[in-house]
C-alpha atoms as a PDB file:
ATOM      1  CA  MET A   1     -20.117   4.594  -6.173  1.00  0.00           C
ATOM      2  CA  ASP A   2     -22.671   2.397  -4.433  1.00  0.00           C
ATOM      3  CA  ILE A   3     -21.444  -1.037  -3.464  1.00  0.00           C
ATOM      4  CA  MET A   4     -23.769  -3.668  -4.859  1.00  0.00           C
ATOM      5  CA  THR A   5     -25.415  -5.559  -2.042  1.00  0.00           C
ATOM      6  CA  THR A   6     -25.661  -9.315  -2.210  1.00  0.00           C
ATOM      7  CA  THR A   7     -27.922 -11.752  -0.445  1.00  0.00           C
ATOM      8  CA  GLN A   8     -24.984 -12.876   1.678  1.00  0.00           C
ATOM      9  CA  PRO A   9     -22.265 -10.592   3.080  1.00  0.00           C
ATOM     10  CA  VAL A  10     -18.686 -11.408   2.129  1.00  0.00           C
ATOM     11  CA  ARG A  11     -17.242 -13.726   4.778  1.00  0.00           C
ATOM     12  CA  VAL A  12     -13.766 -12.488   5.605  1.00  0.00           C
ATOM     13  CA  ALA A  13     -10.898 -13.701   7.769  1.00  0.00           C
ATOM     14  CA  LEU A  14      -8.964 -10.840   9.309  1.00  0.00           C
ATOM     15  CA  ILE A  15      -5.280 -11.799   9.478  1.00  0.00           C
ATOM     16  CA  GLY A  16      -3.684  -9.592  12.120  1.00  0.00           C
ATOM     17  CA  CYS A  17      -5.236  -7.446  14.870  1.00  0.00           C
ATOM     18  CA  GLY A  18      -2.562  -4.792  15.389  1.00  0.00           C
ATOM     19  CA  GLY A  19      -3.091  -1.054  15.372  1.00  0.00           C
ATOM     20  CA  MET A  20      -3.681  -0.738  11.617  1.00  0.00           C
ATOM     21  CA  ALA A  21      -5.971  -3.767  11.633  1.00  0.00           C
ATOM     22  CA  ARG A  22      -8.066  -2.232  14.389  1.00  0.00           C
ATOM     23  CA  TRP A  23      -8.404   0.930  12.316  1.00  0.00           C
ATOM     24  CA  HIS A  24      -9.793  -1.229   9.494  1.00  0.00           C
ATOM     25  CA  ILE A  25     -12.072  -3.162  11.884  1.00  0.00           C
ATOM     26  CA  HIS A  26     -13.584   0.116  13.055  1.00  0.00           C
ATOM     27  CA  ASP A  27     -14.332   0.927   9.402  1.00  0.00           C
ATOM     28  CA  MET A  28     -15.632  -2.548   8.504  1.00  0.00           C
ATOM     29  CA  LEU A  29     -18.000  -3.300  11.399  1.00  0.00           C
ATOM     30  CA  PRO A  30     -20.710  -0.811  10.287  1.00  0.00           C
ATOM     31  CA  GLN A  31     -20.764  -2.498   6.847  1.00  0.00           C
ATOM     32  CA  SER A  32     -22.744  -5.502   8.074  1.00  0.00           C
ATOM     33  CA  ASP A  33     -24.895  -5.581   4.932  1.00  0.00           C
ATOM     34  CA  THR A  34     -21.832  -6.389   2.782  1.00  0.00           C
ATOM     35  CA  THR A  35     -19.260  -7.686   5.274  1.00  0.00           C
ATOM     36  CA  HIS A  36     -19.090 -10.409   7.901  1.00  0.00           C
ATOM     37  CA  ILE A  37     -15.805 -10.773   9.799  1.00  0.00           C
ATOM     38  CA  ALA A  38     -16.043 -14.489  10.464  1.00  0.00           C
ATOM     39  CA  VAL A  39     -12.750 -15.147  12.250  1.00  0.00           C
ATOM     40  CA  VAL A  40      -9.486 -13.426  13.111  1.00  0.00           C
ATOM     41  CA  CYS A  41      -5.922 -14.703  13.185  1.00  0.00           C
ATOM     42  CA  GLU A  42      -3.795 -13.021  15.848  1.00  0.00           C
ATOM     43  CA  PRO A  43      -1.062 -14.736  17.907  1.00  0.00           C
ATOM     44  CA  ALA A  44      -0.642 -11.817  20.361  1.00  0.00           C
ATOM     45  CA  PRO A  45      -3.279 -11.992  23.145  1.00  0.00           C
ATOM     46  CA  ALA A  46      -3.120  -8.238  23.845  1.00  0.00           C
ATOM     47  CA  ALA A  47      -3.812  -7.363  20.204  1.00  0.00           C
ATOM     48  CA  TYR A  48      -6.777  -9.744  20.058  1.00  0.00           C
ATOM     49  CA  THR A  49      -8.175  -8.325  23.308  1.00  0.00           C
ATOM     50  CA  ALA A  50      -8.006  -4.802  21.881  1.00  0.00           C
ATOM     51  CA  ALA A  51      -9.733  -5.946  18.684  1.00  0.00           C
ATOM     52  CA  ALA A  52     -12.424  -7.817  20.622  1.00  0.00           C
ATOM     53  CA  GLU A  53     -13.250  -4.604  22.474  1.00  0.00           C
ATOM     54  CA  LEU A  54     -14.107  -2.939  19.145  1.00  0.00           C
ATOM     55  CA  PHE A  55     -16.689  -5.660  18.479  1.00  0.00           C
ATOM     56  CA  ARG A  56     -18.190  -5.141  21.941  1.00  0.00           C
ATOM     57  CA  GLN A  57     -18.340  -1.371  21.443  1.00  0.00           C
ATOM     58  CA  ALA A  58     -20.314  -2.021  18.255  1.00  0.00           C
ATOM     59  CA  GLY A  59     -22.749  -4.240  20.188  1.00  0.00           C
ATOM     60  CA  LEU A  60     -21.366  -7.451  18.688  1.00  0.00           C
ATOM     61  CA  GLU A  61     -19.825 -10.569  20.125  1.00  0.00           C
ATOM     62  CA  PRO A  62     -16.089 -10.781  19.322  1.00  0.00           C
ATOM     63  CA  GLN A  63     -15.325 -13.270  16.590  1.00  0.00           C
ATOM     64  CA  PRO A  64     -13.158 -16.302  17.430  1.00  0.00           C
ATOM     65  CA  ASN A  65      -9.403 -16.122  17.153  1.00  0.00           C
ATOM     66  CA  GLN A  66      -7.428 -18.928  15.519  1.00  0.00           C
ATOM     67  CA  PRO A  67      -3.814 -17.751  15.845  1.00  0.00           C
ATOM     68  CA  ASP A  68      -2.437 -20.389  13.444  1.00  0.00           C
ATOM     69  CA  LEU A  69      -3.209 -19.450   9.837  1.00  0.00           C
ATOM     70  CA  ASP A  70      -2.834 -22.968   8.445  1.00  0.00           C
ATOM     71  CA  ARG A  71      -5.295 -24.309  11.002  1.00  0.00           C
ATOM     72  CA  LEU A  72      -7.674 -21.431  10.335  1.00  0.00           C
ATOM     73  CA  LEU A  73      -7.727 -22.137   6.605  1.00  0.00           C
ATOM     74  CA  ALA A  74      -8.337 -25.836   7.259  1.00  0.00           C
ATOM     75  CA  GLU A  75     -11.024 -25.329   9.907  1.00  0.00           C
ATOM     76  CA  TYR A  76     -12.894 -22.677   7.920  1.00  0.00           C
ATOM     77  CA  ALA A  77     -12.607 -24.327   4.498  1.00  0.00           C
ATOM     78  CA  GLY A  78     -15.755 -23.523   2.526  1.00  0.00           C
ATOM     79  CA  ARG A  79     -16.876 -20.956   5.082  1.00  0.00           C
ATOM     80  CA  LEU A  80     -14.817 -17.971   3.903  1.00  0.00           C
ATOM     81  CA  ASP A  81     -14.798 -15.811   0.788  1.00  0.00           C
ATOM     82  CA  ALA A  82     -11.879 -13.485   1.407  1.00  0.00           C
ATOM     83  CA  ALA A  83      -8.951 -12.622   3.636  1.00  0.00           C
ATOM     84  CA  PHE A  84      -7.707  -9.186   4.678  1.00  0.00           C
ATOM     85  CA  ILE A  85      -4.029  -9.453   5.626  1.00  0.00           C
ATOM     86  CA  ILE A  86      -2.752  -6.725   7.956  1.00  0.00           C
ATOM     87  CA  THR A  87       0.456  -8.101   9.444  1.00  0.00           C
ATOM     88  CA  PRO A  88       4.170  -7.143   9.572  1.00  0.00           C
ATOM     89  CA  HIS A  89       5.770  -6.913   6.156  1.00  0.00           C
ATOM     90  CA  ALA A  90       7.869 -10.085   6.292  1.00  0.00           C
ATOM     91  CA  TYR A  91       4.752 -12.276   6.606  1.00  0.00           C
ATOM     92  CA  HIS A  92       2.827 -10.887   3.635  1.00  0.00           C
ATOM     93  CA  HIS A  93       4.075 -13.229   0.922  1.00  0.00           C
ATOM     94  CA  ASP A  94       3.536 -16.549   2.686  1.00  0.00           C
ATOM     95  CA  GLN A  95       0.198 -15.537   4.196  1.00  0.00           C
ATOM     96  CA  ALA A  96      -1.176 -14.165   0.924  1.00  0.00           C
ATOM     97  CA  LYS A  97       0.020 -17.239  -0.983  1.00  0.00           C
ATOM     98  CA  ALA A  98      -1.657 -19.556   1.537  1.00  0.00           C
ATOM     99  CA  CYS A  99      -4.948 -17.653   1.391  1.00  0.00           C
ATOM    100  CA  LEU A 100      -5.006 -17.535  -2.409  1.00  0.00           C
ATOM    101  CA  GLU A 101      -4.275 -21.253  -2.593  1.00  0.00           C
ATOM    102  CA  ALA A 102      -7.109 -21.851  -0.119  1.00  0.00           C
ATOM    103  CA  GLY A 103      -9.482 -20.297  -2.672  1.00  0.00           C
ATOM    104  CA  LEU A 104      -9.841 -16.887  -1.027  1.00  0.00           C
ATOM    105  CA  ASP A 105      -9.735 -13.451  -2.604  1.00  0.00           C
ATOM    106  CA  VAL A 106      -7.163 -11.303  -0.810  1.00  0.00           C
ATOM    107  CA  LEU A 107      -6.835  -7.682   0.218  1.00  0.00           C
ATOM    108  CA  LEU A 108      -3.202  -7.246   1.286  1.00  0.00           C
ATOM    109  CA  GLU A 109      -1.829  -4.345   3.300  1.00  0.00           C
ATOM    110  CA  LYS A 110       1.171  -2.424   2.040  1.00  0.00           C
ATOM    111  CA  PRO A 111       3.966  -2.916   1.171  1.00  0.00           C
ATOM    112  CA  MET A 112       2.895  -5.956  -0.828  1.00  0.00           C
ATOM    113  CA  VAL A 113       6.074  -8.004  -0.302  1.00  0.00           C
ATOM    114  CA  LEU A 114       9.757  -7.603   0.584  1.00  0.00           C
ATOM    115  CA  ASN A 115      11.271  -7.954  -2.897  1.00  0.00           C
ATOM    116  CA  ALA A 116      10.606  -8.554  -6.571  1.00  0.00           C
ATOM    117  CA  ALA A 117      11.035 -12.350  -6.303  1.00  0.00           C
ATOM    118  CA  GLU A 118       8.178 -12.498  -3.788  1.00  0.00           C
ATOM    119  CA  ALA A 119       6.090 -10.204  -5.989  1.00  0.00           C
ATOM    120  CA  ARG A 120       6.534 -12.499  -8.986  1.00  0.00           C
ATOM    121  CA  SER A 121       5.609 -15.462  -6.788  1.00  0.00           C
ATOM    122  CA  LEU A 122       2.304 -13.840  -5.776  1.00  0.00           C
ATOM    123  CA  ILE A 123       1.514 -12.955  -9.389  1.00  0.00           C
ATOM    124  CA  GLU A 124       2.084 -16.605 -10.345  1.00  0.00           C
ATOM    125  CA  THR A 125      -0.126 -17.753  -7.467  1.00  0.00           C
ATOM    126  CA  ARG A 126      -2.835 -15.267  -8.420  1.00  0.00           C
ATOM    127  CA  ASP A 127      -2.767 -16.471 -12.026  1.00  0.00           C
ATOM    128  CA  ARG A 128      -2.691 -20.147 -11.061  1.00  0.00           C
ATOM    129  CA  THR A 129      -5.550 -19.939  -8.563  1.00  0.00           C
ATOM    130  CA  GLY A 130      -7.661 -17.423 -10.472  1.00  0.00           C
ATOM    131  CA  ARG A 131      -8.326 -15.499  -7.276  1.00  0.00           C
ATOM    132  CA  LEU A 132      -8.360 -11.731  -6.777  1.00  0.00           C
ATOM    133  CA  LEU A 133      -5.415  -9.939  -5.166  1.00  0.00           C
ATOM    134  CA  VAL A 134      -5.683  -6.225  -4.334  1.00  0.00           C
ATOM    135  CA  VAL A 135      -2.910  -4.322  -2.539  1.00  0.00           C
ATOM    136  CA  ALA A 136      -4.252  -1.809  -0.011  1.00  0.00           C
ATOM    137  CA  PHE A 137      -2.093   1.152  -0.978  1.00  0.00           C
ATOM    138  CA  PRO A 138      -4.190   4.271  -0.216  1.00  0.00           C
ATOM    139  CA  GLY A 139      -2.416   6.123  -3.024  1.00  0.00           C
ATOM    140  CA  SER A 140      -3.293   3.677  -5.794  1.00  0.00           C
ATOM    141  CA  LEU A 141      -6.798   3.279  -4.322  1.00  0.00           C
ATOM    142  CA  SER A 142      -7.259   7.062  -4.132  1.00  0.00           C
ATOM    143  CA  PRO A 143      -9.635   8.689  -6.645  1.00  0.00           C
ATOM    144  CA  GLN A 144      -7.196  11.617  -6.757  1.00  0.00           C
ATOM    145  CA  ILE A 145      -4.311   9.400  -7.881  1.00  0.00           C
ATOM    146  CA  ARG A 146      -6.513   7.532 -10.328  1.00  0.00           C
ATOM    147  CA  THR A 147      -7.612  10.904 -11.780  1.00  0.00           C
ATOM    148  CA  ALA A 148      -3.980  12.043 -11.929  1.00  0.00           C
ATOM    149  CA  VAL A 149      -2.969   8.846 -13.732  1.00  0.00           C
ATOM    150  CA  ARG A 150      -5.795   9.299 -16.238  1.00  0.00           C
ATOM    151  CA  LEU A 151      -4.673  12.885 -16.942  1.00  0.00           C
ATOM    152  CA  LEU A 152      -1.040  11.858 -17.334  1.00  0.00           C
ATOM    153  CA  ARG A 153      -1.822   8.929 -19.645  1.00  0.00           C
ATOM    154  CA  SER A 154      -4.239  10.953 -21.779  1.00  0.00           C
ATOM    155  CA  GLY A 155      -1.442  13.122 -23.134  1.00  0.00           C
ATOM    156  CA  GLU A 156      -3.288  16.356 -22.410  1.00  0.00           C
ATOM    157  CA  LEU A 157      -0.603  17.389 -19.889  1.00  0.00           C
ATOM    158  CA  GLY A 158       2.145  16.831 -22.451  1.00  0.00           C
ATOM    159  CA  ALA A 159       5.255  14.727 -21.987  1.00  0.00           C
ATOM    160  CA  LEU A 160       6.433  13.769 -18.507  1.00  0.00           C
ATOM    161  CA  LEU A 161       9.607  15.656 -17.562  1.00  0.00           C
ATOM    162  CA  SER A 162      10.218  14.922 -13.887  1.00  0.00           C
ATOM    163  CA  ILE A 163       8.684  13.929 -10.551  1.00  0.00           C
ATOM    164  CA  SER A 164       9.707  15.237  -7.135  1.00  0.00           C
ATOM    165  CA  ALA A 165       8.324  13.627  -3.973  1.00  0.00           C
ATOM    166  CA  THR A 166       8.905  14.071  -0.246  1.00  0.00           C
ATOM    167  CA  VAL A 167       7.499  12.396   2.862  1.00  0.00           C
ATOM    168  CA  TRP A 168       8.272  13.258   6.470  1.00  0.00           C
ATOM    169  CA  GLN A 169       7.314  12.025   9.921  1.00  0.00           C
ATOM    170  CA  ASN A 170       8.691  11.713  13.470  1.00  0.00           C
ATOM    171  CA  TRP A 171       8.911   7.978  12.741  1.00  0.00           C
ATOM    172  CA  GLY A 172      12.310   7.227  14.264  1.00  0.00           C
ATOM    173  CA  PRO A 173      11.479   8.331  17.827  1.00  0.00           C
ATOM    174  CA  THR A 174       7.931   6.923  17.855  1.00  0.00           C
ATOM    175  CA  GLN A 175       8.784   3.427  16.590  1.00  0.00           C
ATOM    176  CA  VAL A 176      11.618   2.622  19.013  1.00  0.00           C
ATOM    177  CA  GLY A 177      11.283  -1.013  20.114  1.00  0.00           C
ATOM    178  CA  ALA A 178       8.448  -1.734  17.656  1.00  0.00           C
ATOM    179  CA  TRP A 179       8.582  -4.405  14.953  1.00  0.00           C
ATOM    180  CA  ARG A 180       8.856  -1.658  12.333  1.00  0.00           C
ATOM    181  CA  GLN A 181      12.444  -1.099  13.487  1.00  0.00           C
ATOM    182  CA  GLN A 182      13.325  -4.799  13.449  1.00  0.00           C
ATOM    183  CA  PRO A 183      14.775  -5.321   9.942  1.00  0.00           C
ATOM    184  CA  GLU A 184      14.161  -9.085   9.842  1.00  0.00           C
ATOM    185  CA  ILE A 185      10.407  -8.414  10.213  1.00  0.00           C
ATOM    186  CA  SER A 186       9.985  -4.988   8.652  1.00  0.00           C
ATOM    187  CA  GLY A 187      12.204  -5.523   5.606  1.00  0.00           C
ATOM    188  CA  GLY A 188      13.421  -1.940   5.859  1.00  0.00           C
ATOM    189  CA  GLY A 189      12.995   1.296   7.738  1.00  0.00           C
ATOM    190  CA  PHE A 190      11.127   4.550   7.221  1.00  0.00           C
ATOM    191  CA  LEU A 191      11.445   4.419   3.428  1.00  0.00           C
ATOM    192  CA  PHE A 192       9.854   0.960   3.330  1.00  0.00           C
ATOM    193  CA  ASP A 193       7.128   1.771   5.861  1.00  0.00           C
ATOM    194  CA  THR A 194       5.581   5.240   5.616  1.00  0.00           C
ATOM    195  CA  GLY A 195       7.880   5.866   2.658  1.00  0.00           C
ATOM    196  CA  ALA A 196       6.473   2.831   0.846  1.00  0.00           C
ATOM    197  CA  HIS A 197       3.458   4.991   0.044  1.00  0.00           C
ATOM    198  CA  MET A 198       5.805   7.382  -1.752  1.00  0.00           C
ATOM    199  CA  LEU A 199       7.588   4.631  -3.680  1.00  0.00           C
ATOM    200  CA  ASN A 200       4.272   3.139  -4.764  1.00  0.00           C
ATOM    201  CA  THR A 201       2.511   6.376  -5.696  1.00  0.00           C
ATOM    202  CA  VAL A 202       5.479   7.689  -7.657  1.00  0.00           C
ATOM    203  CA  THR A 203       5.782   4.447  -9.640  1.00  0.00           C
ATOM    204  CA  ASP A 204       2.011   4.475 -10.211  1.00  0.00           C
ATOM    205  CA  LEU A 205       2.067   8.066 -11.478  1.00  0.00           C
ATOM    206  CA  ALA A 206       5.122   7.396 -13.654  1.00  0.00           C
ATOM    207  CA  GLY A 207       3.518   4.337 -15.247  1.00  0.00           C
ATOM    208  CA  GLU A 208       6.854   3.096 -16.559  1.00  0.00           C
ATOM    209  CA  ASP A 209       9.934   1.333 -15.288  1.00  0.00           C
ATOM    210  CA  PHE A 210      13.018   2.914 -13.798  1.00  0.00           C
ATOM    211  CA  VAL A 211      16.161   2.205 -15.802  1.00  0.00           C
ATOM    212  CA  GLU A 212      18.731   3.676 -13.401  1.00  0.00           C
ATOM    213  CA  VAL A 213      18.642   4.462  -9.676  1.00  0.00           C
ATOM    214  CA  ALA A 214      21.017   5.983  -7.117  1.00  0.00           C
ATOM    215  CA  ALA A 215      20.084   5.959  -3.438  1.00  0.00           C
ATOM    216  CA  TRP A 216      21.403   6.811   0.012  1.00  0.00           C
ATOM    217  CA  LEU A 217      19.923   5.414   3.245  1.00  0.00           C
ATOM    218  CA  ASP A 218      20.928   6.623   6.713  1.00  0.00           C
ATOM    219  CA  ASN A 219      19.940   4.896   9.955  1.00  0.00           C
ATOM    220  CA  THR A 220      20.603   7.941  12.159  1.00  0.00           C
ATOM    221  CA  GLY A 221      21.824   5.539  14.830  1.00  0.00           C
ATOM    222  CA  ARG A 222      18.772   3.260  14.669  1.00  0.00           C
ATOM    223  CA  PRO A 223      18.515  -0.396  13.526  1.00  0.00           C
ATOM    224  CA  VAL A 224      16.908   0.623  10.201  1.00  0.00           C
ATOM    225  CA  ASP A 225      16.994   3.607   7.859  1.00  0.00           C
ATOM    226  CA  THR A 226      15.137   6.740   8.902  1.00  0.00           C
ATOM    227  CA  ARG A 227      16.434   9.153   6.246  1.00  0.00           C
ATOM    228  CA  ALA A 228      16.670   8.509   2.518  1.00  0.00           C
ATOM    229  CA  THR A 229      17.315  10.162  -0.812  1.00  0.00           C
ATOM    230  CA  VAL A 230      16.611   8.434  -4.124  1.00  0.00           C
ATOM    231  CA  MET A 231      17.330   9.672  -7.649  1.00  0.00           C
ATOM    232  CA  GLY A 232      16.186   7.829 -10.728  1.00  0.00           C
ATOM    233  CA  ARG A 233      15.724   7.930 -14.468  1.00  0.00           C
ATOM    234  CA  LEU A 234      12.670   6.434 -16.170  1.00  0.00           C
ATOM    235  CA  ALA A 235      12.612   4.558 -19.460  1.00  0.00           C
ATOM    236  CA  SER A 236      11.241   7.675 -21.196  1.00  0.00           C
ATOM    237  CA  GLY A 237      14.127   9.788 -19.889  1.00  0.00           C
ATOM    238  CA  ALA A 238      12.047  11.543 -17.227  1.00  0.00           C
ATOM    239  CA  LEU A 239      13.872  12.165 -13.944  1.00  0.00           C
ATOM    240  CA  VAL A 240      12.666  11.347 -10.427  1.00  0.00           C
ATOM    241  CA  THR A 241      13.766  12.455  -6.969  1.00  0.00           C
ATOM    242  CA  MET A 242      12.359  11.050  -3.721  1.00  0.00           C
ATOM    243  CA  HIS A 243      13.239  12.184  -0.218  1.00  0.00           C
ATOM    244  CA  GLY A 244      12.166  10.722   3.111  1.00  0.00           C
ATOM    245  CA  CYS A 245      12.872  12.119   6.573  1.00  0.00           C
ATOM    246  CA  GLY A 246      11.651  10.066   9.517  1.00  0.00           C
ATOM    247  CA  GLU A 247      13.492  12.016  12.206  1.00  0.00           C
ATOM    248  CA  THR A 248      11.713  15.375  12.135  1.00  0.00           C
ATOM    249  CA  ILE A 249       9.340  17.099  14.572  1.00  0.00           C
ATOM    250  CA  PRO A 250       5.965  15.458  15.384  1.00  0.00           C
ATOM    251  CA  SER A 251       4.184  15.449  12.020  1.00  0.00           C
ATOM    252  CA  CYS A 252       3.337  13.224   9.079  1.00  0.00           C
ATOM    253  CA  ALA A 253       2.775  14.662   5.624  1.00  0.00           C
ATOM    254  CA  SER A 254       3.886  14.487   2.009  1.00  0.00           C
ATOM    255  CA  ASP A 255       4.158  16.362  -1.261  1.00  0.00           C
ATOM    256  CA  VAL A 256       4.433  15.109  -4.836  1.00  0.00           C
ATOM    257  CA  TRP A 257       5.037  17.360  -7.858  1.00  0.00           C
ATOM    258  CA  VAL A 258       4.768  16.073 -11.431  1.00  0.00           C
ATOM    259  CA  PHE A 259       6.218  18.338 -14.111  1.00  0.00           C
ATOM    260  CA  CYS A 260       5.038  17.950 -17.711  1.00  0.00           C
ATOM    261  CA  THR A 261       5.543  20.025 -20.842  1.00  0.00           C
ATOM    262  CA  GLN A 262       1.993  21.434 -20.691  1.00  0.00           C
ATOM    263  CA  ALA A 263       1.148  21.376 -16.987  1.00  0.00           C
ATOM    264  CA  ILE A 264       2.294  20.933 -13.403  1.00  0.00           C
ATOM    265  CA  LEU A 265       0.425  18.480 -11.177  1.00  0.00           C
ATOM    266  CA  ARG A 266       0.576  18.405  -7.381  1.00  0.00           C
ATOM    267  CA  THR A 267      -0.669  15.595  -5.175  1.00  0.00           C
ATOM    268  CA  GLY A 268       0.385  13.598  -2.100  1.00  0.00           C
ATOM    269  CA  ILE A 269       1.583  10.059  -1.547  1.00  0.00           C
ATOM    270  CA  TRP A 270      -1.797   9.055  -0.092  1.00  0.00           C
ATOM    271  CA  GLY A 271      -3.726  10.993  -2.742  1.00  0.00           C
ATOM    272  CA  GLU A 272      -4.663  13.525  -0.078  1.00  0.00           C
ATOM    273  CA  ARG A 273      -4.956  16.310  -2.656  1.00  0.00           C
ATOM    274  CA  LEU A 274      -4.928  16.919  -6.401  1.00  0.00           C
ATOM    275  CA  GLU A 275      -4.107  20.256  -7.975  1.00  0.00           C
ATOM    276  CA  LEU A 276      -3.205  21.211 -11.529  1.00  0.00           C
ATOM    277  CA  GLN A 277      -1.641  24.251 -13.186  1.00  0.00           C
ATOM    278  CA  ARG A 278      -2.001  24.212 -16.949  1.00  0.00           C
ATOM    279  CA  HIS A 279       0.071  26.129 -19.463  1.00  0.00           C
ATOM    280  CA  GLY A 280      -1.086  29.752 -19.490  1.00  0.00           C
ATOM    281  CA  HIS A 281      -2.577  29.630 -15.974  1.00  0.00           C
ATOM    282  CA  LYS A 282      -0.908  31.458 -13.072  1.00  0.00           C
ATOM    283  CA  ARG A 283      -1.751  29.120 -10.217  1.00  0.00           C
ATOM    284  CA  LEU A 284      -2.650  25.616  -9.191  1.00  0.00           C
ATOM    285  CA  ARG A 285      -6.338  24.754  -9.188  1.00  0.00           C
ATOM    286  CA  LYS A 286      -8.074  21.923  -7.377  1.00  0.00           C
ATOM    287  CA  VAL A 287      -9.066  19.021  -9.632  1.00  0.00           C
ATOM    288  CA  PRO A 288     -12.458  17.470  -8.804  1.00  0.00           C
ATOM    289  CA  ALA A 289     -12.340  13.781  -7.898  1.00  0.00           C
ATOM    290  CA  PRO A 290     -14.870  11.356  -6.390  1.00  0.00           C
ATOM    291  CA  SER A 291     -14.836  10.653  -2.678  1.00  0.00           C
ATOM    292  CA  SER A 292     -12.686   7.729  -1.579  1.00  0.00           C
ATOM    293  CA  LEU A 293     -14.469   4.481  -0.771  1.00  0.00           C
ATOM    294  CA  GLY A 294     -11.744   3.315   1.592  1.00  0.00           C
ATOM    295  CA  ALA A 295      -9.698   0.158   1.151  1.00  0.00           C
ATOM    296  CA  TRP A 296     -12.304  -2.438   2.101  1.00  0.00           C
ATOM    297  CA  LYS A 297     -15.245  -0.933   0.176  1.00  0.00           C
ATOM    298  CA  GLN A 298     -13.023  -0.563  -2.862  1.00  0.00           C
ATOM    299  CA  PHE A 299     -11.981  -4.215  -2.565  1.00  0.00           C
ATOM    300  CA  LEU A 300     -15.674  -5.190  -2.511  1.00  0.00           C
ATOM    301  CA  ALA A 301     -16.330  -3.039  -5.577  1.00  0.00           C
ATOM    302  CA  VAL A 302     -13.489  -4.726  -7.468  1.00  0.00           C
ATOM    303  CA  ARG A 303     -14.629  -8.144  -6.286  1.00  0.00           C
ATOM    304  CA  SER A 304     -18.196  -7.543  -7.483  1.00  0.00           C
ATOM    305  CA  GLY A 305     -17.010  -6.370 -10.908  1.00  0.00           C
ATOM    306  CA  GLN A 306     -18.051  -2.757 -10.470  1.00  0.00           C
ATOM    307  CA  MET A 307     -14.570  -1.412 -11.130  1.00  0.00           C
ATOM    308  CA  PRO A 308     -11.182  -2.642 -12.366  1.00  0.00           C
ATOM    309  CA  ASN A 309      -8.485  -3.483  -9.844  1.00  0.00           C
ATOM    310  CA  PRO A 310      -6.680  -0.169  -9.161  1.00  0.00           C
ATOM    311  CA  CYS A 311      -3.752  -1.822  -7.364  1.00  0.00           C
ATOM    312  CA  PRO A 312      -3.033  -5.359  -8.630  1.00  0.00           C
ATOM    313  CA  PRO A 313       0.187  -7.210  -7.755  1.00  0.00           C
ATOM    314  CA  GLU A 314       1.771  -5.913 -10.960  1.00  0.00           C
ATOM    315  CA  VAL A 315       1.860  -2.475  -9.284  1.00  0.00           C
ATOM    316  CA  GLY A 316       3.450  -4.139  -6.272  1.00  0.00           C
ATOM    317  CA  LEU A 317       6.051  -5.751  -8.530  1.00  0.00           C
ATOM    318  CA  ARG A 318       7.069  -2.421 -10.022  1.00  0.00           C
ATOM    319  CA  MET A 319       7.569  -0.970  -6.551  1.00  0.00           C
ATOM    320  CA  ALA A 320       9.397  -4.088  -5.337  1.00  0.00           C
ATOM    321  CA  ARG A 321      11.834  -3.869  -8.241  1.00  0.00           C
ATOM    322  CA  LEU A 322      12.501  -0.252  -7.317  1.00  0.00           C
ATOM    323  CA  TRP A 323      13.063  -1.169  -3.654  1.00  0.00           C
ATOM    324  CA  ASP A 324      15.518  -3.912  -4.656  1.00  0.00           C
ATOM    325  CA  VAL A 325      17.717  -1.483  -6.602  1.00  0.00           C
ATOM    326  CA  ILE A 326      17.435   1.211  -3.911  1.00  0.00           C
ATOM    327  CA  LYS A 327      18.948  -1.228  -1.426  1.00  0.00           C
ATOM    328  CA  MET A 328      21.579  -2.300  -3.953  1.00  0.00           C
ATOM    329  CA  SER A 329      22.651   1.279  -4.669  1.00  0.00           C
ATOM    330  CA  ALA A 330      22.650   2.278  -0.995  1.00  0.00           C
ATOM    331  CA  ALA A 331      24.852  -0.724  -0.153  1.00  0.00           C
ATOM    332  CA  GLN A 332      27.348   0.637  -2.713  1.00  0.00           C
ATOM    333  CA  GLY A 333      27.411   4.124  -1.227  1.00  0.00           C
ATOM    334  CA  GLY A 334      24.920   5.567  -3.690  1.00  0.00           C
ATOM    335  CA  ALA A 335      26.517   4.201  -6.859  1.00  0.00           C
ATOM    336  CA  PRO A 336      24.008   4.276  -9.756  1.00  0.00           C
ATOM    337  CA  VAL A 337      22.452   0.879 -10.517  1.00  0.00           C
ATOM    338  CA  LYS A 338      21.027   0.097 -13.933  1.00  0.00           C
ATOM    339  CA  MET A 339      17.916  -2.064 -13.988  1.00  0.00           C
END
């Protein structure tokens, strides 16, 4: 899909300049015809210095840094169109709410918020302000996942029977001392960080609410969970299992299997593949899907009306509700919790 060019690029404030933000900056800087990073908001001098170097490498002057978000929104009132929030999880709700109320459209990194109450708050703010809110989950933004959802909702794969998902990474050893292992900032451990992609993609594929969940979280001696097992039952009666291991050998990968009465579908939590085995066929076959636009280009396409929002805050609410009951069940030693 071609992104419609406008006479003026979208003026965006980049909230956060950490490692993930710098990955996005590297992707955004070549899009000067549609995108102008007008200002950044980063309280850590080292992170801003690293981000500024990316501007210099692209032959551009680094944009100013206003480390206080409230001051930034006041100083740049009328001079911004959007905000891209790429900060630790605990800050997402308040920062997104402030940007929406300042009249900005928002692209918000995953996970959207820490809990369902915060998710409902952002939905109310979105509705009240009339602004756009897109959650930057690669799975929901993936053409492979969108194609999978279309196939599942069409009925041509038959009734949904069960979903089995796994994600693994050497997350525990590599994140020692980082904010991701500080529960007051991260809101959780491996299952709420890398594993959040699994929670979101599974709920997106399921397309319905969980009615009962049992979960076990293990910290493996760390401040937050690094291993997890979740079992659930959907409103339709379909069963779900999710497994996360953040203590394995150096690697990072995933697998998601969706079993239906007329087909088996295989994908990944980031939408990194899509394969389908229909009734009567002996093997999985690759399903064609468009190339991914990436998070920022897709946000621009939604903003310009070229496509519907593939990951609105309602998707974030469904995942947040699941995360709430996972924590509740785990705190009770894996006792099933009805939603």
